[in-house]
Amino acid sequence: MAIQQRAERTRQEILSAAARVFDGLGYERASLARIAGEARVTTGALVFHFATKADLATAVRGRARAVTRITVESACLSTEGVGGTAIDKLVIATHALIRLFETDPMARAGERLARELQLTGPGLSEDCPWRREVARLARFAAAEKALRPGVDAAAVAALIGYVITGVELEMRGPGTPTEETWSSDEGFRSAETGALHVPAEQRLSRIWKLILPGLVHPATGPQSP
């Protein structure tokens, strides 16, 4: 039993290390030796658990799918019993996803691997739990007649997919200096490039403020982002 527990612990450490390396370097630049070093195990110990880099990537993507599914489902459940509409759930779920991507290398690695291995795209994918949930909520919003006339649920789901992917990609760009404080609504403007940097969730809120009036039926009224 103790041997099995150690083996499982080693497997989980390898998975976590692989997620960090895939997240930081991408699939092509990642190597088994690099991942083994990150996990502080020998390459032989790594290949005992995962024979190839492809096997590791598959395992990381599976773990990432699980954590994103739990995140969006929990976010939607948080509105149950308080009259949460499908639009409310869409907004809450997207914020929960961005918080997850900010803090969880496993989730970010899953997104990066999916893009680099061309297993999913910026639109909908049956292999991606959060995209399936977004599509489901968009259909529910249409059924609740919460969308403006002529607004297609599939187009709404695709748009939100583009937004989430775009914000997640922005996280990989140059960040804000750690000593900066967010003392104004405008955030931090880079002295070198003039680019405006704001926290990811704040960026998402601004995007929702822009797009909600074009999506939500006037009788429903815009939801808070």
Protein backbone atom coordinates (compact mmCIF):
# COMPACT_ATOMS: atom_id res chain seq x y z
CA MET A 1 0.00 0.00 0.00
CA ALA A 2 2.82 2.41 0.91
CA ILE A 3 4.53 1.67 -2.43
CA GLN A 4 1.30 2.36 -4.31
CA GLN A 5 0.82 5.63 -2.44
CA ARG A 6 4.37 6.73 -3.26
CA ALA A 7 3.87 5.80 -6.90
CA GLU A 8 0.64 7.79 -7.07
CA ARG A 9 2.28 10.75 -5.36
CA THR A 10 5.13 10.64 -7.86
CA ARG A 11 2.65 10.46 -10.74
CA GLN A 12 0.81 13.54 -9.46
CA GLU A 13 4.08 15.44 -9.01
CA ILE A 14 5.04 14.59 -12.59
CA LEU A 15 1.65 15.76 -13.86
CA SER A 16 1.92 19.04 -11.99
CA ALA A 17 5.46 19.59 -13.26
CA ALA A 18 4.39 18.77 -16.82
CA ALA A 19 1.58 21.31 -16.58
CA ARG A 20 4.01 24.03 -15.50
CA VAL A 21 6.44 23.21 -18.31
CA PHE A 22 3.75 22.93 -21.00
CA ASP A 23 2.20 26.16 -19.75
CA GLY A 24 5.49 28.02 -19.87
CA LEU A 25 7.18 26.52 -22.91
CA GLY A 26 4.49 24.91 -25.01
CA TYR A 27 4.40 21.38 -26.36
CA GLU A 28 7.26 21.49 -28.86
CA ARG A 29 9.82 23.09 -26.55
CA ALA A 30 8.94 20.91 -23.58
CA SER A 31 11.08 17.80 -23.14
CA LEU A 32 10.80 14.78 -20.91
CA ALA A 33 14.15 15.67 -19.37
CA ARG A 34 12.94 19.20 -18.59
CA ILE A 35 9.73 17.88 -17.06
CA ALA A 36 11.63 15.27 -15.04
CA GLY A 37 13.90 17.99 -13.70
CA GLU A 38 10.91 20.16 -12.78
CA ALA A 39 9.36 17.19 -10.96
CA ARG A 40 12.69 16.28 -9.32
CA VAL A 41 12.57 12.72 -10.56
CA THR A 42 14.77 10.76 -12.95
CA THR A 43 13.78 10.47 -16.58
CA GLY A 44 13.46 6.74 -15.99
CA ALA A 45 10.94 7.34 -13.21
CA LEU A 46 8.98 9.67 -15.47
CA VAL A 47 8.75 7.23 -18.39
CA PHE A 48 7.66 4.50 -15.97
CA HIS A 49 4.48 6.53 -15.47
CA PHE A 50 4.25 8.26 -18.87
CA ALA A 51 6.04 6.58 -21.75
CA THR A 52 5.96 9.57 -24.11
CA LYS A 53 5.48 13.31 -24.11
CA ALA A 54 2.20 12.75 -25.96
CA ASP A 55 0.98 10.57 -23.07
CA LEU A 56 1.84 13.36 -20.63
CA ALA A 57 0.05 15.96 -22.74
CA THR A 58 -3.05 13.75 -22.89
CA ALA A 59 -3.02 13.33 -19.11
CA VAL A 60 -2.56 17.08 -18.52
CA ARG A 61 -5.41 17.89 -20.89
CA GLY A 62 -7.64 15.38 -19.13
CA ARG A 63 -6.91 16.96 -15.75
CA ALA A 64 -7.45 20.45 -17.20
CA ARG A 65 -10.82 19.44 -18.64
CA ALA A 66 -11.87 18.10 -15.25
CA VAL A 67 -10.92 21.25 -13.34
CA THR A 68 -12.54 23.60 -15.86
CA ARG A 69 -15.73 21.52 -15.85
CA ILE A 70 -15.93 21.66 -12.04
CA THR A 71 -15.24 25.41 -12.11
CA VAL A 72 -18.02 26.32 -14.54
CA GLU A 73 -20.50 23.93 -12.95
CA SER A 74 -19.80 25.34 -9.48
CA ALA A 75 -20.12 28.90 -10.78
CA CYS A 76 -23.52 28.14 -12.29
CA LEU A 77 -24.71 26.38 -9.14
CA SER A 78 -23.83 29.48 -7.14
CA THR A 79 -26.76 31.30 -8.78
CA GLU A 80 -29.30 28.54 -8.11
CA GLY A 81 -32.02 29.56 -5.69
CA VAL A 82 -31.42 33.28 -6.19
CA GLY A 83 -33.14 33.64 -9.54
CA GLY A 84 -30.01 33.47 -11.66
CA THR A 85 -30.76 33.67 -15.38
CA ALA A 86 -28.75 32.03 -18.15
CA ILE A 87 -27.13 35.41 -18.85
CA ASP A 88 -26.19 35.75 -15.17
CA LYS A 89 -24.65 32.30 -15.29
CA LEU A 90 -22.71 33.11 -18.46
CA VAL A 91 -21.16 36.17 -16.86
CA ILE A 92 -20.38 34.42 -13.57
CA ALA A 93 -18.95 31.33 -15.29
CA THR A 94 -16.62 33.37 -17.49
CA HIS A 95 -15.28 35.28 -14.48
CA ALA A 96 -14.73 31.99 -12.66
CA LEU A 97 -12.82 30.66 -15.66
CA ILE A 98 -10.56 33.69 -15.85
CA ARG A 99 -9.79 33.43 -12.13
CA LEU A 100 -8.95 29.77 -12.69
CA PHE A 101 -6.65 30.54 -15.62
CA GLU A 102 -4.90 33.21 -13.56
CA THR A 103 -4.10 30.82 -10.73
CA ASP A 104 -3.94 27.27 -12.10
CA PRO A 105 -1.06 26.18 -14.41
CA MET A 106 -2.91 22.93 -15.13
CA ALA A 107 -5.90 24.78 -16.59
CA ARG A 108 -3.67 27.12 -18.59
CA ALA A 109 -1.59 24.22 -19.86
CA GLY A 110 -4.75 22.49 -21.07
CA GLU A 111 -5.74 25.55 -23.06
CA ARG A 112 -2.27 25.97 -24.57
CA LEU A 113 -1.95 22.29 -25.48
CA ALA A 114 -5.38 22.29 -27.10
CA ARG A 115 -4.36 25.20 -29.31
CA GLU A 116 -0.90 23.94 -30.17
CA LEU A 117 -2.01 20.39 -30.90
CA GLN A 118 -4.98 21.76 -32.88
CA LEU A 119 -7.41 19.72 -30.85
CA THR A 120 -9.80 22.62 -30.43
CA GLY A 121 -10.25 26.10 -31.79
CA PRO A 122 -11.55 29.45 -30.64
CA GLY A 123 -15.07 28.32 -31.49
CA LEU A 124 -17.01 25.47 -29.94
CA SER A 125 -15.56 22.02 -29.26
CA GLU A 126 -17.17 18.86 -27.98
CA ASP A 127 -13.87 18.16 -26.21
CA CYS A 128 -13.89 21.31 -24.09
CA PRO A 129 -16.20 21.37 -21.04
CA TRP A 130 -16.30 25.14 -20.60
CA ARG A 131 -17.15 25.70 -24.27
CA ARG A 132 -19.93 23.12 -24.04
CA GLU A 133 -21.31 24.91 -20.97
CA VAL A 134 -21.12 28.30 -22.68
CA ALA A 135 -23.04 26.87 -25.66
CA ARG A 136 -25.65 25.35 -23.34
CA LEU A 137 -26.16 28.61 -21.45
CA ALA A 138 -26.43 30.56 -24.69
CA ARG A 139 -29.20 28.20 -25.83
CA PHE A 140 -30.94 28.61 -22.46
CA ALA A 141 -30.69 32.39 -22.80
CA ALA A 142 -32.41 32.13 -26.17
CA ALA A 143 -35.10 29.87 -24.69
CA GLU A 144 -35.65 32.41 -21.90
CA LYS A 145 -36.02 35.07 -24.63
CA ALA A 146 -33.23 36.99 -22.93
CA LEU A 147 -31.39 37.62 -26.21
CA ARG A 148 -32.20 40.45 -28.57
CA PRO A 149 -34.34 39.50 -31.57
CA GLY A 150 -32.14 38.14 -34.32
CA VAL A 151 -29.25 37.30 -32.00
CA ASP A 152 -28.23 33.69 -32.61
CA ALA A 153 -27.29 31.54 -29.63
CA ALA A 154 -24.50 29.80 -31.56
CA ALA A 155 -22.99 33.17 -32.46
CA VAL A 156 -23.20 34.27 -28.81
CA ALA A 157 -21.39 31.11 -27.71
CA ALA A 158 -18.69 31.61 -30.35
CA LEU A 159 -18.22 35.25 -29.35
CA ILE A 160 -17.79 34.35 -25.68
CA GLY A 161 -15.34 31.64 -26.68
CA TYR A 162 -13.28 34.24 -28.54
CA VAL A 163 -13.40 36.55 -25.52
CA ILE A 164 -12.27 33.93 -23.01
CA THR A 165 -9.49 32.69 -25.28
CA GLY A 166 -8.37 36.26 -25.96
CA VAL A 167 -8.22 37.20 -22.29
CA GLU A 168 -6.37 33.97 -21.47
CA LEU A 169 -3.84 34.69 -24.22
CA GLU A 170 -3.37 38.23 -22.90
CA MET A 171 -2.31 36.77 -19.57
CA ARG A 172 0.72 35.33 -21.34
CA GLY A 173 1.91 38.78 -22.41
CA PRO A 174 4.14 41.08 -20.36
CA GLY A 175 2.49 41.61 -16.99
CA THR A 176 2.21 44.58 -14.73
CA PRO A 177 5.22 45.28 -12.50
CA THR A 178 4.63 43.80 -9.08
CA GLU A 179 5.15 47.14 -7.36
CA GLU A 180 2.34 48.78 -9.34
CA THR A 181 -0.90 49.53 -7.55
CA TRP A 182 -4.30 49.73 -9.20
CA SER A 183 -5.20 53.19 -8.03
CA SER A 184 -7.38 54.17 -10.96
CA ASP A 185 -9.89 52.65 -13.35
CA GLU A 186 -7.38 52.97 -16.16
CA GLY A 187 -4.89 50.56 -14.62
CA PHE A 188 -1.22 50.66 -15.52
CA ARG A 189 -0.06 52.15 -18.80
CA SER A 190 3.35 50.97 -19.98
CA ALA A 191 5.82 53.81 -20.33
CA GLU A 192 7.58 51.92 -23.14
CA THR A 193 4.67 50.86 -25.34
CA GLY A 194 1.73 52.89 -24.09
CA ALA A 195 -0.23 49.65 -23.78
CA LEU A 196 -2.89 49.55 -21.09
CA HIS A 197 -2.52 46.71 -18.61
CA VAL A 198 -5.35 45.85 -16.23
CA PRO A 199 -6.07 42.68 -14.24
CA ALA A 200 -7.66 39.95 -16.34
CA GLU A 201 -11.00 40.01 -14.53
CA GLN A 202 -11.21 43.78 -14.85
CA ARG A 203 -10.51 43.42 -18.56
CA LEU A 204 -13.27 40.83 -18.82
CA SER A 205 -15.71 43.10 -16.98
CA ARG A 206 -15.04 45.89 -19.46
CA ILE A 207 -15.64 43.55 -22.38
CA TRP A 208 -18.93 42.37 -20.89
CA LYS A 209 -20.03 45.99 -20.45
CA LEU A 210 -19.42 46.54 -24.14
CA ILE A 211 -21.13 43.44 -25.49
CA LEU A 212 -24.06 42.87 -23.11
CA PRO A 213 -26.22 45.72 -24.46
CA GLY A 214 -25.94 44.18 -27.93
CA LEU A 215 -26.87 40.71 -26.71
CA VAL A 216 -29.54 41.17 -24.05
CA HIS A 217 -33.16 41.87 -24.88
CA PRO A 218 -34.11 45.44 -23.91
CA ALA A 219 -36.97 44.13 -21.78
CA THR A 220 -34.52 42.05 -19.78
CA GLY A 221 -32.08 44.87 -19.22
CA PRO A 222 -28.28 44.59 -19.13
CA GLN A 223 -26.84 42.30 -16.50
CA SER A 224 -24.00 43.29 -14.20
CA PRO A 225 -20.65 42.03 -15.53
